[in-house]
């Protein structure tokens, strides 16, 4: 795979969703519809920046992270991969953009990635993850821990 296109026009308040599976357009439409639903107890308006470009087809997590690495405000990216498209609730893969270089030391990095660098979140949970991480209310590791506690390993909104 060649170099992925640069992400442009992404607003810091929009969750970034990257489509990497292009086998089922109907499933993608369902994912988009679910992500655009109002969310939370106050029915907030969904704010999402979609990357829907076949150039991203079959991109690996590492390739996606490299492609978005220049966005210093981005702390998490959501990937609509094969699993997302095939599963009934369309759980997206949430991946932290945090690297060892972003941390004070190895201990700091290990604590922040204690539950892994990724977890799955249903579309309704994407907004909760992104909003809370954006304002520093909760960290990636807290959502990853909640996902790990779920019987299916998926974060669901509170």
N, C-alpha and C. Protein backbone atom coordinates (compact mmCIF):
# COMPACT_ATOMS: atom_id res chain seq x y z
N UNK A 1 0.84 -1.18 0.00
CA UNK A 1 0.00 0.00 0.00
C UNK A 1 0.88 1.23 0.00
N UNK A 2 0.52 2.21 -0.79
CA UNK A 2 1.26 3.46 -0.84
C UNK A 2 0.92 4.32 0.36
N UNK A 3 1.48 5.49 0.37
CA UNK A 3 1.22 6.43 1.47
C UNK A 3 -0.25 6.86 1.44
N UNK A 4 -0.86 6.92 2.61
CA UNK A 4 -2.26 7.32 2.70
C UNK A 4 -2.39 8.83 2.50
N UNK A 5 -3.56 9.26 2.02
CA UNK A 5 -3.78 10.70 1.83
C UNK A 5 -3.72 11.45 3.16
N UNK A 6 -3.36 12.70 3.10
CA UNK A 6 -3.33 13.54 4.30
C UNK A 6 -4.77 13.84 4.70
N UNK A 7 -5.03 13.83 6.01
CA UNK A 7 -6.36 14.15 6.52
C UNK A 7 -6.48 15.67 6.55
N UNK A 8 -7.47 16.20 5.83
CA UNK A 8 -7.68 17.65 5.82
C UNK A 8 -9.10 17.97 6.27
N UNK A 9 -9.28 19.18 6.77
CA UNK A 9 -10.60 19.65 7.14
C UNK A 9 -11.15 19.03 8.42
N UNK A 10 -10.28 18.38 9.20
CA UNK A 10 -10.74 17.78 10.46
C UNK A 10 -10.78 18.84 11.55
N UNK A 11 -11.96 19.07 12.11
CA UNK A 11 -12.15 20.02 13.20
C UNK A 11 -11.82 19.30 14.51
N UNK A 12 -11.15 19.99 15.43
CA UNK A 12 -10.76 19.35 16.69
C UNK A 12 -11.95 18.85 17.52
N UNK A 13 -13.14 19.36 17.23
CA UNK A 13 -14.32 18.93 18.00
C UNK A 13 -15.02 17.74 17.36
N UNK A 14 -14.55 17.30 16.20
CA UNK A 14 -15.17 16.17 15.50
C UNK A 14 -14.39 14.89 15.76
N UNK A 15 -15.13 13.84 16.11
CA UNK A 15 -14.50 12.52 16.21
C UNK A 15 -14.05 12.13 14.80
N UNK A 16 -12.86 11.58 14.67
CA UNK A 16 -12.32 11.18 13.37
C UNK A 16 -12.59 9.69 13.15
N UNK A 17 -13.38 9.39 12.11
CA UNK A 17 -13.74 8.01 11.78
C UNK A 17 -13.16 7.68 10.41
N UNK A 18 -12.33 6.65 10.37
CA UNK A 18 -11.67 6.24 9.14
C UNK A 18 -12.23 4.89 8.69
N UNK A 19 -12.75 4.85 7.48
CA UNK A 19 -13.26 3.60 6.91
C UNK A 19 -12.11 2.87 6.22
N UNK A 20 -11.85 1.63 6.65
CA UNK A 20 -10.79 0.84 6.01
C UNK A 20 -11.34 -0.42 5.33
N UNK A 21 -12.65 -0.63 5.44
CA UNK A 21 -13.27 -1.80 4.79
C UNK A 21 -14.30 -1.31 3.78
N UNK A 22 -14.12 -1.73 2.54
CA UNK A 22 -14.99 -1.25 1.46
C UNK A 22 -15.80 -2.35 0.80
N UNK A 23 -16.05 -3.45 1.51
CA UNK A 23 -16.78 -4.56 0.92
C UNK A 23 -18.28 -4.44 1.02
N UNK A 24 -18.80 -3.60 1.93
CA UNK A 24 -20.24 -3.57 2.18
C UNK A 24 -20.72 -2.13 2.39
N UNK A 25 -21.20 -1.51 1.32
CA UNK A 25 -21.66 -0.12 1.41
C UNK A 25 -22.89 0.03 2.31
N UNK A 26 -23.74 -0.99 2.33
CA UNK A 26 -24.93 -0.93 3.20
C UNK A 26 -24.50 -0.88 4.67
N UNK A 27 -23.54 -1.70 5.03
CA UNK A 27 -23.04 -1.69 6.42
C UNK A 27 -22.45 -0.32 6.75
N UNK A 28 -21.71 0.26 5.81
CA UNK A 28 -21.13 1.59 6.03
C UNK A 28 -22.22 2.62 6.26
N UNK A 29 -23.29 2.57 5.46
CA UNK A 29 -24.40 3.51 5.64
C UNK A 29 -25.01 3.36 7.03
N UNK A 30 -25.09 2.13 7.54
CA UNK A 30 -25.62 1.89 8.89
C UNK A 30 -24.69 2.48 9.95
N UNK A 31 -23.39 2.33 9.75
CA UNK A 31 -22.41 2.88 10.69
C UNK A 31 -22.53 4.41 10.72
N UNK A 32 -22.58 5.03 9.54
CA UNK A 32 -22.70 6.49 9.46
C UNK A 32 -24.00 6.95 10.13
N UNK A 33 -25.11 6.28 9.84
CA UNK A 33 -26.40 6.66 10.43
C UNK A 33 -26.34 6.56 11.96
N UNK A 34 -25.75 5.48 12.46
CA UNK A 34 -25.64 5.30 13.92
C UNK A 34 -24.76 6.39 14.53
N UNK A 35 -23.69 6.74 13.85
CA UNK A 35 -22.78 7.78 14.38
C UNK A 35 -23.40 9.16 14.35
N UNK A 36 -24.36 9.39 13.48
CA UNK A 36 -24.98 10.72 13.37
C UNK A 36 -26.18 10.90 14.30
N UNK A 37 -26.56 9.85 15.01
CA UNK A 37 -27.66 9.96 15.98
C UNK A 37 -27.27 10.90 17.11
N UNK A 38 -28.21 11.72 17.62
CA UNK A 38 -27.91 12.52 18.81
C UNK A 38 -27.50 11.57 19.94
N UNK A 39 -26.63 12.04 20.83
CA UNK A 39 -26.08 11.14 21.84
C UNK A 39 -26.12 11.78 23.23
N UNK A 40 -25.96 10.92 24.22
CA UNK A 40 -25.87 11.37 25.61
C UNK A 40 -27.22 11.72 26.20
N UNK A 41 -27.19 12.01 27.49
CA UNK A 41 -28.43 12.31 28.23
C UNK A 41 -29.10 13.59 27.74
N UNK A 42 -28.31 14.48 27.14
CA UNK A 42 -28.88 15.74 26.64
C UNK A 42 -29.08 15.72 25.12
N UNK A 43 -28.90 14.56 24.53
CA UNK A 43 -29.08 14.43 23.08
C UNK A 43 -28.25 15.45 22.30
N UNK A 44 -26.94 15.41 22.56
CA UNK A 44 -26.00 16.30 21.87
C UNK A 44 -25.98 15.98 20.38
N UNK A 45 -25.69 17.01 19.58
CA UNK A 45 -25.55 16.82 18.14
C UNK A 45 -24.23 16.07 17.87
N UNK A 46 -24.30 15.06 17.03
CA UNK A 46 -23.11 14.29 16.69
C UNK A 46 -22.16 15.13 15.84
N UNK A 47 -20.89 15.09 16.17
CA UNK A 47 -19.87 15.80 15.39
C UNK A 47 -18.83 14.79 14.96
N UNK A 48 -18.84 14.47 13.67
CA UNK A 48 -17.96 13.42 13.15
C UNK A 48 -17.32 13.88 11.84
N UNK A 49 -16.06 13.58 11.69
CA UNK A 49 -15.36 13.80 10.42
C UNK A 49 -15.09 12.41 9.85
N UNK A 50 -15.71 12.13 8.71
CA UNK A 50 -15.57 10.81 8.09
C UNK A 50 -14.49 10.81 7.02
N UNK A 51 -13.67 9.79 7.03
CA UNK A 51 -12.73 9.54 5.94
C UNK A 51 -13.31 8.34 5.19
N UNK A 52 -13.89 8.61 4.04
CA UNK A 52 -14.51 7.56 3.23
C UNK A 52 -13.88 7.64 1.84
N UNK A 53 -12.68 7.07 1.74
CA UNK A 53 -11.89 7.14 0.52
C UNK A 53 -11.23 5.77 0.33
N UNK A 54 -11.53 5.09 -0.79
CA UNK A 54 -10.97 3.76 -1.02
C UNK A 54 -9.44 3.69 -0.92
N UNK A 55 -8.76 4.83 -0.97
CA UNK A 55 -7.31 4.83 -0.78
C UNK A 55 -6.94 4.30 0.60
N UNK A 56 -7.88 4.37 1.53
CA UNK A 56 -7.67 3.89 2.90
C UNK A 56 -8.06 2.41 3.04
N UNK A 57 -8.57 1.80 1.99
CA UNK A 57 -9.01 0.41 2.05
C UNK A 57 -7.89 -0.52 2.50
N UNK A 58 -8.21 -1.34 3.48
CA UNK A 58 -7.27 -2.33 4.04
C UNK A 58 -6.07 -1.70 4.75
N UNK A 59 -6.14 -0.41 5.05
CA UNK A 59 -5.04 0.23 5.80
C UNK A 59 -4.91 -0.43 7.17
N UNK A 60 -3.68 -0.61 7.62
CA UNK A 60 -3.44 -1.18 8.94
C UNK A 60 -3.57 -0.09 10.00
N UNK A 61 -3.65 -0.49 11.25
CA UNK A 61 -3.70 0.47 12.34
C UNK A 61 -2.46 1.36 12.30
N UNK A 62 -1.30 0.76 12.11
CA UNK A 62 -0.04 1.52 12.07
C UNK A 62 -0.07 2.54 10.94
N UNK A 63 -0.59 2.17 9.78
CA UNK A 63 -0.66 3.10 8.65
C UNK A 63 -1.61 4.26 8.95
N UNK A 64 -2.74 3.96 9.58
CA UNK A 64 -3.69 5.02 9.94
C UNK A 64 -3.04 5.96 10.95
N UNK A 65 -2.39 5.40 11.98
CA UNK A 65 -1.74 6.25 12.99
C UNK A 65 -0.66 7.12 12.39
N UNK A 66 0.11 6.58 11.46
CA UNK A 66 1.14 7.37 10.79
C UNK A 66 0.50 8.51 10.01
N UNK A 67 -0.59 8.21 9.32
CA UNK A 67 -1.26 9.22 8.49
C UNK A 67 -1.85 10.36 9.31
N UNK A 68 -2.26 10.09 10.54
CA UNK A 68 -2.88 11.15 11.37
C UNK A 68 -1.91 11.73 12.40
N UNK A 69 -0.67 11.26 12.40
CA UNK A 69 0.28 11.65 13.45
C UNK A 69 0.60 13.14 13.50
N UNK A 70 0.39 13.85 12.40
CA UNK A 70 0.71 15.29 12.40
C UNK A 70 -0.36 16.12 13.12
N UNK A 71 -1.51 15.52 13.42
CA UNK A 71 -2.59 16.23 14.12
C UNK A 71 -2.34 16.14 15.62
N UNK A 72 -1.73 17.17 16.18
CA UNK A 72 -1.34 17.14 17.59
C UNK A 72 -2.52 17.17 18.55
N UNK A 73 -3.69 17.62 18.07
CA UNK A 73 -4.87 17.68 18.95
C UNK A 73 -5.60 16.33 19.01
N UNK A 74 -5.26 15.43 18.12
CA UNK A 74 -5.98 14.16 18.03
C UNK A 74 -5.43 13.15 19.03
N UNK A 75 -6.29 12.67 19.93
CA UNK A 75 -5.83 11.71 20.93
C UNK A 75 -6.36 10.30 20.67
N UNK A 76 -7.40 10.22 19.82
CA UNK A 76 -7.98 8.91 19.50
C UNK A 76 -8.57 8.96 18.09
N UNK A 77 -8.42 7.86 17.37
CA UNK A 77 -9.01 7.74 16.04
C UNK A 77 -9.89 6.49 16.05
N UNK A 78 -11.01 6.55 15.34
CA UNK A 78 -11.95 5.43 15.28
C UNK A 78 -11.91 4.82 13.89
N UNK A 79 -11.77 3.50 13.84
CA UNK A 79 -11.61 2.81 12.56
C UNK A 79 -12.81 1.90 12.29
N UNK A 80 -13.41 2.11 11.12
CA UNK A 80 -14.51 1.25 10.67
C UNK A 80 -13.87 0.16 9.80
N UNK A 81 -13.48 -0.92 10.47
CA UNK A 81 -12.78 -2.02 9.81
C UNK A 81 -13.75 -3.17 9.51
N UNK A 82 -13.23 -4.30 9.09
CA UNK A 82 -14.05 -5.45 8.73
C UNK A 82 -14.95 -5.90 9.90
N UNK A 83 -14.38 -5.97 11.09
CA UNK A 83 -15.15 -6.40 12.27
C UNK A 83 -16.31 -5.43 12.51
N UNK A 84 -16.03 -4.15 12.42
CA UNK A 84 -17.07 -3.12 12.60
C UNK A 84 -18.21 -3.33 11.60
N UNK A 85 -17.84 -3.56 10.36
CA UNK A 85 -18.85 -3.69 9.31
C UNK A 85 -19.69 -4.95 9.45
N UNK A 86 -19.09 -6.03 9.94
CA UNK A 86 -19.79 -7.31 10.00
C UNK A 86 -20.61 -7.51 11.27
N UNK A 87 -20.20 -6.89 12.38
CA UNK A 87 -20.88 -7.10 13.65
C UNK A 87 -22.20 -6.34 13.70
N UNK A 88 -23.16 -6.92 14.38
CA UNK A 88 -24.51 -6.34 14.44
C UNK A 88 -24.54 -4.91 14.95
N UNK A 89 -23.81 -4.63 16.03
CA UNK A 89 -23.84 -3.28 16.62
C UNK A 89 -22.77 -2.36 16.03
N UNK A 90 -22.02 -2.82 15.05
CA UNK A 90 -20.98 -2.04 14.37
C UNK A 90 -20.00 -1.37 15.33
N UNK A 91 -19.35 -2.16 16.20
CA UNK A 91 -18.38 -1.54 17.12
C UNK A 91 -17.12 -1.10 16.38
N UNK A 92 -16.83 0.19 16.45
CA UNK A 92 -15.64 0.74 15.80
C UNK A 92 -14.42 0.46 16.66
N UNK A 93 -13.27 0.42 16.02
CA UNK A 93 -12.02 0.22 16.74
C UNK A 93 -11.50 1.59 17.16
N UNK A 94 -11.41 1.82 18.47
CA UNK A 94 -10.86 3.07 19.00
C UNK A 94 -9.38 2.83 19.26
N UNK A 95 -8.53 3.68 18.70
CA UNK A 95 -7.09 3.51 18.84
C UNK A 95 -6.49 4.81 19.36
N UNK A 96 -5.70 4.72 20.42
CA UNK A 96 -5.04 5.91 20.95
C UNK A 96 -3.89 6.32 20.03
N UNK A 97 -3.70 7.62 19.90
CA UNK A 97 -2.58 8.13 19.10
C UNK A 97 -1.34 8.31 19.98
N UNK A 98 -1.47 8.04 21.26
CA UNK A 98 -0.38 8.20 22.23
C UNK A 98 0.80 7.31 21.86
N UNK A 99 2.00 7.88 21.90
CA UNK A 99 3.22 7.10 21.68
C UNK A 99 4.10 7.21 22.92
N UNK A 100 5.09 6.38 23.00
CA UNK A 100 6.03 6.42 24.12
C UNK A 100 6.68 7.80 24.21
N UNK A 101 6.95 8.41 23.05
CA UNK A 101 7.60 9.73 23.01
C UNK A 101 6.72 10.82 23.63
N UNK A 102 5.40 10.60 23.66
CA UNK A 102 4.48 11.58 24.25
C UNK A 102 4.51 11.55 25.77
N UNK A 103 5.11 10.53 26.33
CA UNK A 103 5.06 10.32 27.78
C UNK A 103 6.37 10.72 28.46
N UNK A 104 6.26 11.00 29.76
CA UNK A 104 7.41 11.40 30.56
C UNK A 104 8.44 10.28 30.60
N UNK A 105 7.96 9.04 30.82
CA UNK A 105 8.87 7.89 30.93
C UNK A 105 8.12 6.60 30.61
N UNK A 106 8.83 5.48 30.69
CA UNK A 106 8.22 4.19 30.39
C UNK A 106 7.05 3.87 31.32
N UNK A 107 7.21 4.21 32.61
CA UNK A 107 6.14 3.94 33.58
C UNK A 107 4.85 4.67 33.19
N UNK A 108 4.99 5.93 32.82
CA UNK A 108 3.86 6.75 32.41
C UNK A 108 3.15 6.10 31.21
N UNK A 109 3.94 5.71 30.21
CA UNK A 109 3.38 5.09 29.01
C UNK A 109 2.68 3.77 29.35
N UNK A 110 3.33 2.96 30.19
CA UNK A 110 2.72 1.67 30.56
C UNK A 110 1.42 1.85 31.32
N UNK A 111 1.35 2.88 32.17
CA UNK A 111 0.12 3.15 32.91
C UNK A 111 -0.99 3.58 31.95
N UNK A 112 -0.65 4.45 30.99
CA UNK A 112 -1.65 4.98 30.07
C UNK A 112 -2.10 3.96 29.02
N UNK A 113 -1.32 2.91 28.85
CA UNK A 113 -1.70 1.86 27.89
C UNK A 113 -1.89 0.52 28.59
N UNK A 114 -2.15 0.58 29.88
CA UNK A 114 -2.30 -0.63 30.71
C UNK A 114 -3.32 -1.60 30.14
N UNK A 115 -4.39 -1.08 29.55
CA UNK A 115 -5.45 -1.94 29.01
C UNK A 115 -5.37 -2.02 27.49
N UNK A 116 -4.21 -1.69 26.96
CA UNK A 116 -4.00 -1.78 25.52
C UNK A 116 -4.08 -0.43 24.83
N UNK A 117 -3.75 -0.44 23.55
CA UNK A 117 -3.77 0.78 22.74
C UNK A 117 -5.04 0.88 21.93
N UNK A 118 -5.94 -0.10 22.08
CA UNK A 118 -7.17 -0.09 21.30
C UNK A 118 -8.28 -0.84 22.03
N UNK A 119 -9.49 -0.52 21.68
CA UNK A 119 -10.68 -1.23 22.16
C UNK A 119 -11.81 -0.94 21.19
N UNK A 120 -12.90 -1.65 21.31
CA UNK A 120 -14.05 -1.42 20.44
C UNK A 120 -15.10 -0.62 21.19
N UNK A 121 -15.81 0.25 20.43
CA UNK A 121 -16.87 1.07 21.00
C UNK A 121 -18.04 1.09 20.01
N UNK A 122 -19.25 0.89 20.53
CA UNK A 122 -20.41 0.99 19.64
C UNK A 122 -20.53 2.46 19.21
N UNK A 123 -21.19 2.73 18.09
CA UNK A 123 -21.27 4.12 17.61
C UNK A 123 -21.73 5.12 18.66
N UNK A 124 -22.71 4.76 19.47
CA UNK A 124 -23.19 5.69 20.51
C UNK A 124 -22.10 5.98 21.54
N UNK A 125 -21.14 5.08 21.69
CA UNK A 125 -20.06 5.29 22.66
C UNK A 125 -18.91 6.12 22.11
N UNK A 126 -18.80 6.19 20.80
CA UNK A 126 -17.72 6.95 20.16
C UNK A 126 -17.71 8.40 20.64
N UNK A 127 -18.89 9.01 20.67
CA UNK A 127 -18.99 10.42 21.07
C UNK A 127 -18.60 10.63 22.52
N UNK A 128 -19.01 9.69 23.38
CA UNK A 128 -18.68 9.80 24.80
C UNK A 128 -17.17 9.71 25.00
N UNK A 129 -16.54 8.78 24.29
CA UNK A 129 -15.09 8.62 24.38
C UNK A 129 -14.41 9.90 23.89
N UNK A 130 -14.78 10.35 22.69
CA UNK A 130 -14.10 11.50 22.09
C UNK A 130 -14.31 12.77 22.92
N UNK A 131 -15.54 13.03 23.31
CA UNK A 131 -15.83 14.25 24.07
C UNK A 131 -15.09 14.27 25.40
N UNK A 132 -15.12 13.17 26.13
CA UNK A 132 -14.45 13.13 27.43
C UNK A 132 -12.94 13.21 27.32
N UNK A 133 -12.37 12.58 26.28
CA UNK A 133 -10.92 12.67 26.10
C UNK A 133 -10.52 14.07 25.64
N UNK A 134 -11.35 14.70 24.82
CA UNK A 134 -11.04 16.04 24.29
C UNK A 134 -10.92 17.08 25.40
N UNK A 135 -11.78 16.96 26.40
CA UNK A 135 -11.74 17.95 27.49
C UNK A 135 -10.90 17.47 28.68
N UNK A 136 -10.29 16.29 28.53
CA UNK A 136 -9.43 15.78 29.60
C UNK A 136 -10.19 15.27 30.80
N UNK A 137 -11.48 15.01 30.63
CA UNK A 137 -12.32 14.51 31.71
C UNK A 137 -11.96 13.07 32.07
N UNK A 138 -11.75 12.25 31.04
CA UNK A 138 -11.39 10.85 31.22
C UNK A 138 -10.30 10.52 30.21
N UNK A 139 -9.48 9.52 30.55
CA UNK A 139 -8.41 9.11 29.66
C UNK A 139 -8.75 7.86 28.88
N UNK A 140 -7.98 7.62 27.84
CA UNK A 140 -8.17 6.44 26.99
C UNK A 140 -8.16 5.16 27.82
N UNK A 141 -7.24 5.09 28.79
CA UNK A 141 -7.09 3.87 29.59
C UNK A 141 -8.36 3.55 30.38
N UNK A 142 -9.11 4.59 30.77
CA UNK A 142 -10.34 4.34 31.53
C UNK A 142 -11.40 3.70 30.63
N UNK A 143 -11.53 4.20 29.41
CA UNK A 143 -12.49 3.61 28.47
C UNK A 143 -12.06 2.20 28.08
N UNK A 144 -10.75 2.01 27.89
CA UNK A 144 -10.22 0.69 27.53
C UNK A 144 -10.52 -0.31 28.65
N UNK A 145 -10.41 0.13 29.89
CA UNK A 145 -10.70 -0.74 31.04
C UNK A 145 -12.18 -1.12 31.06
N UNK A 146 -13.06 -0.15 30.79
CA UNK A 146 -14.50 -0.44 30.77
C UNK A 146 -14.83 -1.42 29.64
N UNK A 147 -14.19 -1.23 28.49
CA UNK A 147 -14.41 -2.15 27.37
C UNK A 147 -13.96 -3.55 27.75
N UNK A 148 -12.83 -3.63 28.45
CA UNK A 148 -12.31 -4.93 28.87
C UNK A 148 -13.26 -5.63 29.84
N UNK A 149 -13.97 -4.85 30.63
CA UNK A 149 -14.92 -5.42 31.60
C UNK A 149 -16.21 -5.91 30.94
N UNK A 150 -16.49 -5.47 29.72
CA UNK A 150 -17.69 -5.86 29.00
C UNK A 150 -17.53 -7.31 28.52
N UNK A 151 -18.61 -8.13 28.61
CA UNK A 151 -18.50 -9.52 28.17
C UNK A 151 -18.03 -9.68 26.72
N UNK A 152 -18.36 -8.71 25.86
CA UNK A 152 -17.94 -8.78 24.45
C UNK A 152 -16.72 -7.90 24.17
N UNK A 153 -16.17 -7.28 25.22
CA UNK A 153 -15.00 -6.43 25.05
C UNK A 153 -15.29 -5.14 24.31
N UNK A 154 -16.52 -4.61 24.49
CA UNK A 154 -16.94 -3.41 23.75
C UNK A 154 -17.37 -2.33 24.75
N UNK A 155 -16.92 -1.08 24.49
CA UNK A 155 -17.38 0.03 25.33
C UNK A 155 -18.77 0.44 24.88
N UNK A 156 -19.65 0.55 25.85
CA UNK A 156 -21.02 1.02 25.61
C UNK A 156 -21.24 2.24 26.50
N UNK A 157 -21.99 3.24 26.03
CA UNK A 157 -22.17 4.46 26.83
C UNK A 157 -22.81 4.16 28.18
N UNK A 158 -22.55 5.07 29.10
CA UNK A 158 -23.05 4.89 30.48
C UNK A 158 -24.56 5.02 30.56
